């Protein structure tokens, strides 16, 4: 029995890398991954979906941090909200779960 796990398809790796770069505001902006995905023949609508979901996650995280900062600035003790859903759909209707 081998301990080796199957490698992810290079398109999946590029999509994950693109999404992570966008969500983290990485300065390279995923340009390398965009070129690679297009070179692999990934349809533009799938690339667009990855970008939309990543931007949604990035923006949602920023909004939540802003709320916590505002609470702290007002003299309160910011507490992460645990009763919220784990994710929401993007404005375009893409599910991020």
N, C-alpha and C. Protein backbone atom coordinates (compact mmCIF):
# COMPACT_ATOMS: atom_id res chain seq x y z
N UNK A 1 0.83 -1.17 0.00
CA UNK A 1 0.00 0.00 0.00
C UNK A 1 0.88 1.24 0.00
N UNK A 2 0.59 2.14 -0.90
CA UNK A 2 1.39 3.35 -1.05
C UNK A 2 0.80 4.48 -0.23
N UNK A 3 1.67 5.32 0.34
CA UNK A 3 1.23 6.49 1.09
C UNK A 3 1.07 7.70 0.20
N UNK A 4 1.38 7.55 -1.08
CA UNK A 4 1.28 8.68 -2.00
C UNK A 4 -0.18 8.97 -2.30
N UNK A 5 -0.51 10.25 -2.26
CA UNK A 5 -1.85 10.67 -2.61
C UNK A 5 -1.83 11.19 -4.04
N UNK A 6 -2.93 11.03 -4.75
CA UNK A 6 -2.96 11.52 -6.12
C UNK A 6 -2.77 13.04 -6.15
N UNK A 7 -2.07 13.49 -7.16
CA UNK A 7 -1.83 14.92 -7.33
C UNK A 7 -3.10 15.59 -7.85
N UNK A 8 -3.30 16.83 -7.42
CA UNK A 8 -4.41 17.61 -7.96
C UNK A 8 -4.10 17.99 -9.40
N UNK A 9 -5.14 18.07 -10.21
CA UNK A 9 -4.98 18.52 -11.59
C UNK A 9 -4.42 19.94 -11.56
N UNK A 10 -3.56 20.27 -12.49
CA UNK A 10 -2.92 21.58 -12.49
C UNK A 10 -3.93 22.72 -12.60
N UNK A 11 -5.07 22.49 -13.24
CA UNK A 11 -6.10 23.53 -13.32
C UNK A 11 -6.70 23.81 -11.94
N UNK A 12 -6.87 22.77 -11.14
CA UNK A 12 -7.40 22.95 -9.78
C UNK A 12 -6.40 23.73 -8.94
N UNK A 13 -5.14 23.36 -9.03
CA UNK A 13 -4.11 24.07 -8.28
C UNK A 13 -4.08 25.54 -8.67
N UNK A 14 -4.18 25.83 -9.96
CA UNK A 14 -4.17 27.22 -10.41
C UNK A 14 -5.40 27.98 -9.94
N UNK A 15 -6.56 27.31 -9.93
CA UNK A 15 -7.78 27.97 -9.45
C UNK A 15 -7.67 28.29 -7.96
N UNK A 16 -7.17 27.35 -7.18
CA UNK A 16 -7.00 27.57 -5.75
C UNK A 16 -6.01 28.71 -5.52
N UNK A 17 -4.92 28.69 -6.24
CA UNK A 17 -3.90 29.73 -6.11
C UNK A 17 -4.44 31.10 -6.50
N UNK A 18 -5.20 31.15 -7.59
CA UNK A 18 -5.82 32.40 -8.02
C UNK A 18 -6.76 32.92 -6.95
N UNK A 19 -7.62 32.07 -6.44
CA UNK A 19 -8.58 32.48 -5.42
C UNK A 19 -7.88 32.95 -4.15
N UNK A 20 -6.87 32.22 -3.72
CA UNK A 20 -6.15 32.61 -2.51
C UNK A 20 -5.44 33.95 -2.70
N UNK A 21 -4.86 34.16 -3.87
CA UNK A 21 -4.19 35.43 -4.14
C UNK A 21 -5.14 36.60 -4.12
N UNK A 22 -6.32 36.41 -4.69
CA UNK A 22 -7.32 37.49 -4.69
C UNK A 22 -7.83 37.73 -3.28
N UNK A 23 -8.19 36.66 -2.58
CA UNK A 23 -8.75 36.80 -1.24
C UNK A 23 -7.76 37.41 -0.26
N UNK A 24 -6.48 37.21 -0.50
CA UNK A 24 -5.46 37.74 0.41
C UNK A 24 -4.89 39.08 -0.05
N UNK A 25 -5.42 39.62 -1.14
CA UNK A 25 -4.90 40.88 -1.70
C UNK A 25 -3.42 40.77 -2.08
N UNK A 26 -3.01 39.62 -2.57
CA UNK A 26 -1.62 39.42 -2.98
C UNK A 26 -1.29 40.38 -4.12
N UNK A 27 -0.14 41.04 -4.06
CA UNK A 27 0.18 42.05 -5.08
C UNK A 27 0.34 41.51 -6.50
N UNK A 28 0.59 40.23 -6.68
CA UNK A 28 0.76 39.69 -8.03
C UNK A 28 -0.59 39.57 -8.75
N UNK A 29 -1.69 39.65 -8.00
CA UNK A 29 -3.05 39.66 -8.53
C UNK A 29 -3.39 38.44 -9.38
N UNK A 30 -2.68 37.34 -9.24
CA UNK A 30 -3.04 36.11 -9.93
C UNK A 30 -2.80 36.09 -11.43
N UNK A 31 -2.01 37.00 -11.92
CA UNK A 31 -1.79 37.06 -13.37
C UNK A 31 -1.20 35.77 -13.92
N UNK A 32 -0.27 35.17 -13.21
CA UNK A 32 0.34 33.92 -13.66
C UNK A 32 -0.71 32.82 -13.74
N UNK A 33 -1.58 32.75 -12.73
CA UNK A 33 -2.61 31.71 -12.72
C UNK A 33 -3.63 31.94 -13.84
N UNK A 34 -3.97 33.19 -14.11
CA UNK A 34 -4.90 33.48 -15.21
C UNK A 34 -4.35 32.96 -16.53
N UNK A 35 -3.09 33.25 -16.79
CA UNK A 35 -2.46 32.79 -18.03
C UNK A 35 -2.44 31.26 -18.08
N UNK A 36 -2.11 30.65 -16.96
CA UNK A 36 -2.04 29.18 -16.93
C UNK A 36 -3.41 28.56 -17.16
N UNK A 37 -4.44 29.09 -16.50
CA UNK A 37 -5.79 28.56 -16.67
C UNK A 37 -6.26 28.68 -18.11
N UNK A 38 -6.00 29.82 -18.71
CA UNK A 38 -6.38 30.00 -20.11
C UNK A 38 -5.61 29.05 -21.01
N UNK A 39 -4.33 28.85 -20.70
CA UNK A 39 -3.51 27.92 -21.46
C UNK A 39 -3.98 26.48 -21.34
N UNK A 40 -4.58 26.16 -20.21
CA UNK A 40 -5.11 24.81 -19.99
C UNK A 40 -6.50 24.64 -20.59
N UNK A 41 -7.05 25.72 -21.14
CA UNK A 41 -8.35 25.65 -21.78
C UNK A 41 -9.53 25.73 -20.82
N UNK A 42 -9.29 26.25 -19.62
CA UNK A 42 -10.40 26.40 -18.66
C UNK A 42 -11.33 27.49 -19.20
N UNK A 43 -12.62 27.21 -19.26
CA UNK A 43 -13.56 28.19 -19.80
C UNK A 43 -13.57 29.49 -18.98
N UNK A 44 -13.75 30.60 -19.68
CA UNK A 44 -13.75 31.92 -19.03
C UNK A 44 -14.83 32.02 -17.96
N UNK A 45 -15.99 31.38 -18.16
CA UNK A 45 -17.04 31.49 -17.15
C UNK A 45 -16.62 30.82 -15.84
N UNK A 46 -15.80 29.77 -15.91
CA UNK A 46 -15.29 29.14 -14.69
C UNK A 46 -14.25 30.02 -14.02
N UNK A 47 -13.40 30.65 -14.80
CA UNK A 47 -12.41 31.58 -14.25
C UNK A 47 -13.13 32.75 -13.59
N UNK A 48 -14.15 33.27 -14.26
CA UNK A 48 -14.93 34.38 -13.71
C UNK A 48 -15.59 33.99 -12.39
N UNK A 49 -16.08 32.75 -12.29
CA UNK A 49 -16.71 32.29 -11.05
C UNK A 49 -15.71 32.25 -9.92
N UNK A 50 -14.49 31.76 -10.19
CA UNK A 50 -13.44 31.72 -9.17
C UNK A 50 -13.12 33.14 -8.69
N UNK A 51 -13.00 34.06 -9.62
CA UNK A 51 -12.69 35.45 -9.27
C UNK A 51 -13.82 36.05 -8.43
N UNK A 52 -15.06 35.81 -8.83
CA UNK A 52 -16.20 36.36 -8.09
C UNK A 52 -16.26 35.82 -6.67
N UNK A 53 -16.07 34.53 -6.52
CA UNK A 53 -16.11 33.91 -5.19
C UNK A 53 -14.97 34.43 -4.32
N UNK A 54 -13.77 34.52 -4.87
CA UNK A 54 -12.62 34.99 -4.10
C UNK A 54 -12.81 36.44 -3.66
N UNK A 55 -13.31 37.27 -4.55
CA UNK A 55 -13.56 38.68 -4.18
C UNK A 55 -14.63 38.77 -3.10
N UNK A 56 -15.64 37.94 -3.20
CA UNK A 56 -16.70 37.94 -2.20
C UNK A 56 -16.14 37.57 -0.82
N UNK A 57 -15.33 36.54 -0.76
CA UNK A 57 -14.73 36.11 0.51
C UNK A 57 -13.82 37.22 1.06
N UNK A 58 -13.01 37.82 0.19
CA UNK A 58 -12.13 38.91 0.62
C UNK A 58 -12.95 40.07 1.18
N UNK A 59 -13.99 40.48 0.45
CA UNK A 59 -14.80 41.62 0.87
C UNK A 59 -15.58 41.33 2.15
N UNK A 60 -16.09 40.10 2.26
CA UNK A 60 -16.82 39.71 3.47
C UNK A 60 -15.91 39.74 4.69
N UNK A 61 -14.68 39.25 4.52
CA UNK A 61 -13.72 39.26 5.63
C UNK A 61 -13.40 40.69 6.05
N UNK A 62 -13.21 41.57 5.08
CA UNK A 62 -12.90 42.97 5.38
C UNK A 62 -14.05 43.63 6.12
N UNK A 63 -15.28 43.35 5.71
CA UNK A 63 -16.45 43.93 6.37
C UNK A 63 -16.54 43.46 7.83
N UNK A 64 -16.29 42.19 8.05
CA UNK A 64 -16.36 41.66 9.42
C UNK A 64 -15.26 42.26 10.29
N UNK A 65 -14.07 42.44 9.72
CA UNK A 65 -13.00 43.08 10.48
C UNK A 65 -13.34 44.53 10.79
N UNK A 66 -13.96 45.21 9.84
CA UNK A 66 -14.37 46.60 10.07
C UNK A 66 -15.37 46.70 11.22
N UNK A 67 -16.32 45.78 11.28
CA UNK A 67 -17.31 45.78 12.36
C UNK A 67 -16.61 45.58 13.70
N UNK A 68 -15.69 44.62 13.75
CA UNK A 68 -14.97 44.37 15.00
C UNK A 68 -14.13 45.58 15.40
N UNK A 69 -13.51 46.24 14.43
CA UNK A 69 -12.74 47.44 14.73
C UNK A 69 -13.64 48.55 15.26
N UNK A 70 -14.78 48.74 14.59
CA UNK A 70 -15.72 49.78 15.03
C UNK A 70 -16.20 49.53 16.45
N UNK A 71 -16.46 48.27 16.80
CA UNK A 71 -16.86 47.93 18.17
C UNK A 71 -15.75 48.27 19.15
N UNK A 72 -14.52 47.95 18.80
CA UNK A 72 -13.39 48.24 19.68
C UNK A 72 -13.18 49.74 19.81
N UNK A 73 -13.31 50.46 18.70
CA UNK A 73 -13.13 51.91 18.72
C UNK A 73 -14.20 52.60 19.56
N UNK A 74 -15.38 51.99 19.64
CA UNK A 74 -16.47 52.56 20.43
C UNK A 74 -16.36 52.18 21.91
N UNK A 75 -15.29 51.49 22.25
CA UNK A 75 -15.06 51.14 23.65
C UNK A 75 -15.55 49.76 24.03
N UNK A 76 -16.09 49.04 23.10
CA UNK A 76 -16.57 47.70 23.38
C UNK A 76 -15.47 46.68 23.19
N UNK A 77 -15.79 45.47 23.51
CA UNK A 77 -14.84 44.37 23.30
C UNK A 77 -15.35 43.55 22.13
N UNK A 78 -14.65 43.61 20.99
CA UNK A 78 -15.14 42.90 19.81
C UNK A 78 -15.11 41.39 20.01
N UNK A 79 -16.20 40.78 19.65
CA UNK A 79 -16.32 39.32 19.73
C UNK A 79 -16.69 38.79 18.36
N UNK A 80 -15.97 37.80 17.86
CA UNK A 80 -16.36 37.20 16.58
C UNK A 80 -17.77 36.63 16.69
N UNK A 81 -18.55 36.80 15.65
CA UNK A 81 -19.93 36.31 15.63
C UNK A 81 -19.91 34.86 15.16
N UNK A 82 -20.33 33.94 16.03
CA UNK A 82 -20.28 32.52 15.68
C UNK A 82 -21.61 31.99 15.18
N UNK A 83 -22.71 32.71 15.39
CA UNK A 83 -24.00 32.19 14.98
C UNK A 83 -24.30 32.44 13.51
N UNK A 84 -23.46 33.16 12.80
CA UNK A 84 -23.70 33.44 11.39
C UNK A 84 -23.43 32.21 10.53
N UNK A 85 -24.04 32.20 9.36
CA UNK A 85 -23.79 31.12 8.41
C UNK A 85 -22.31 31.13 8.03
N UNK A 86 -21.81 29.97 7.65
CA UNK A 86 -20.39 29.87 7.33
C UNK A 86 -20.05 30.63 6.05
N UNK A 87 -21.03 30.83 5.19
CA UNK A 87 -20.77 31.61 3.98
C UNK A 87 -22.08 32.08 3.38
N UNK A 88 -21.98 33.06 2.55
CA UNK A 88 -23.15 33.58 1.85
C UNK A 88 -22.86 33.52 0.36
N UNK A 89 -23.89 33.61 -0.43
CA UNK A 89 -23.70 33.63 -1.89
C UNK A 89 -23.18 34.99 -2.34
N UNK A 90 -22.50 34.99 -3.47
CA UNK A 90 -22.00 36.24 -4.03
C UNK A 90 -23.16 37.03 -4.61
N UNK A 91 -22.93 38.29 -4.96
CA UNK A 91 -23.96 39.12 -5.56
C UNK A 91 -24.47 38.50 -6.87
N UNK A 92 -23.60 37.78 -7.57
CA UNK A 92 -23.99 37.12 -8.82
C UNK A 92 -24.65 35.76 -8.61
N UNK A 93 -24.82 35.36 -7.35
CA UNK A 93 -25.49 34.10 -7.06
C UNK A 93 -24.58 32.89 -6.93
N UNK A 94 -23.26 33.09 -7.01
CA UNK A 94 -22.32 31.98 -6.86
C UNK A 94 -22.27 31.54 -5.40
N UNK A 95 -22.33 30.26 -5.16
CA UNK A 95 -22.18 29.73 -3.81
C UNK A 95 -20.69 29.64 -3.50
N UNK A 96 -20.31 30.02 -2.29
CA UNK A 96 -18.90 29.90 -1.92
C UNK A 96 -18.68 28.75 -0.94
N UNK A 97 -19.65 27.89 -0.80
CA UNK A 97 -19.52 26.71 0.06
C UNK A 97 -19.45 25.46 -0.79
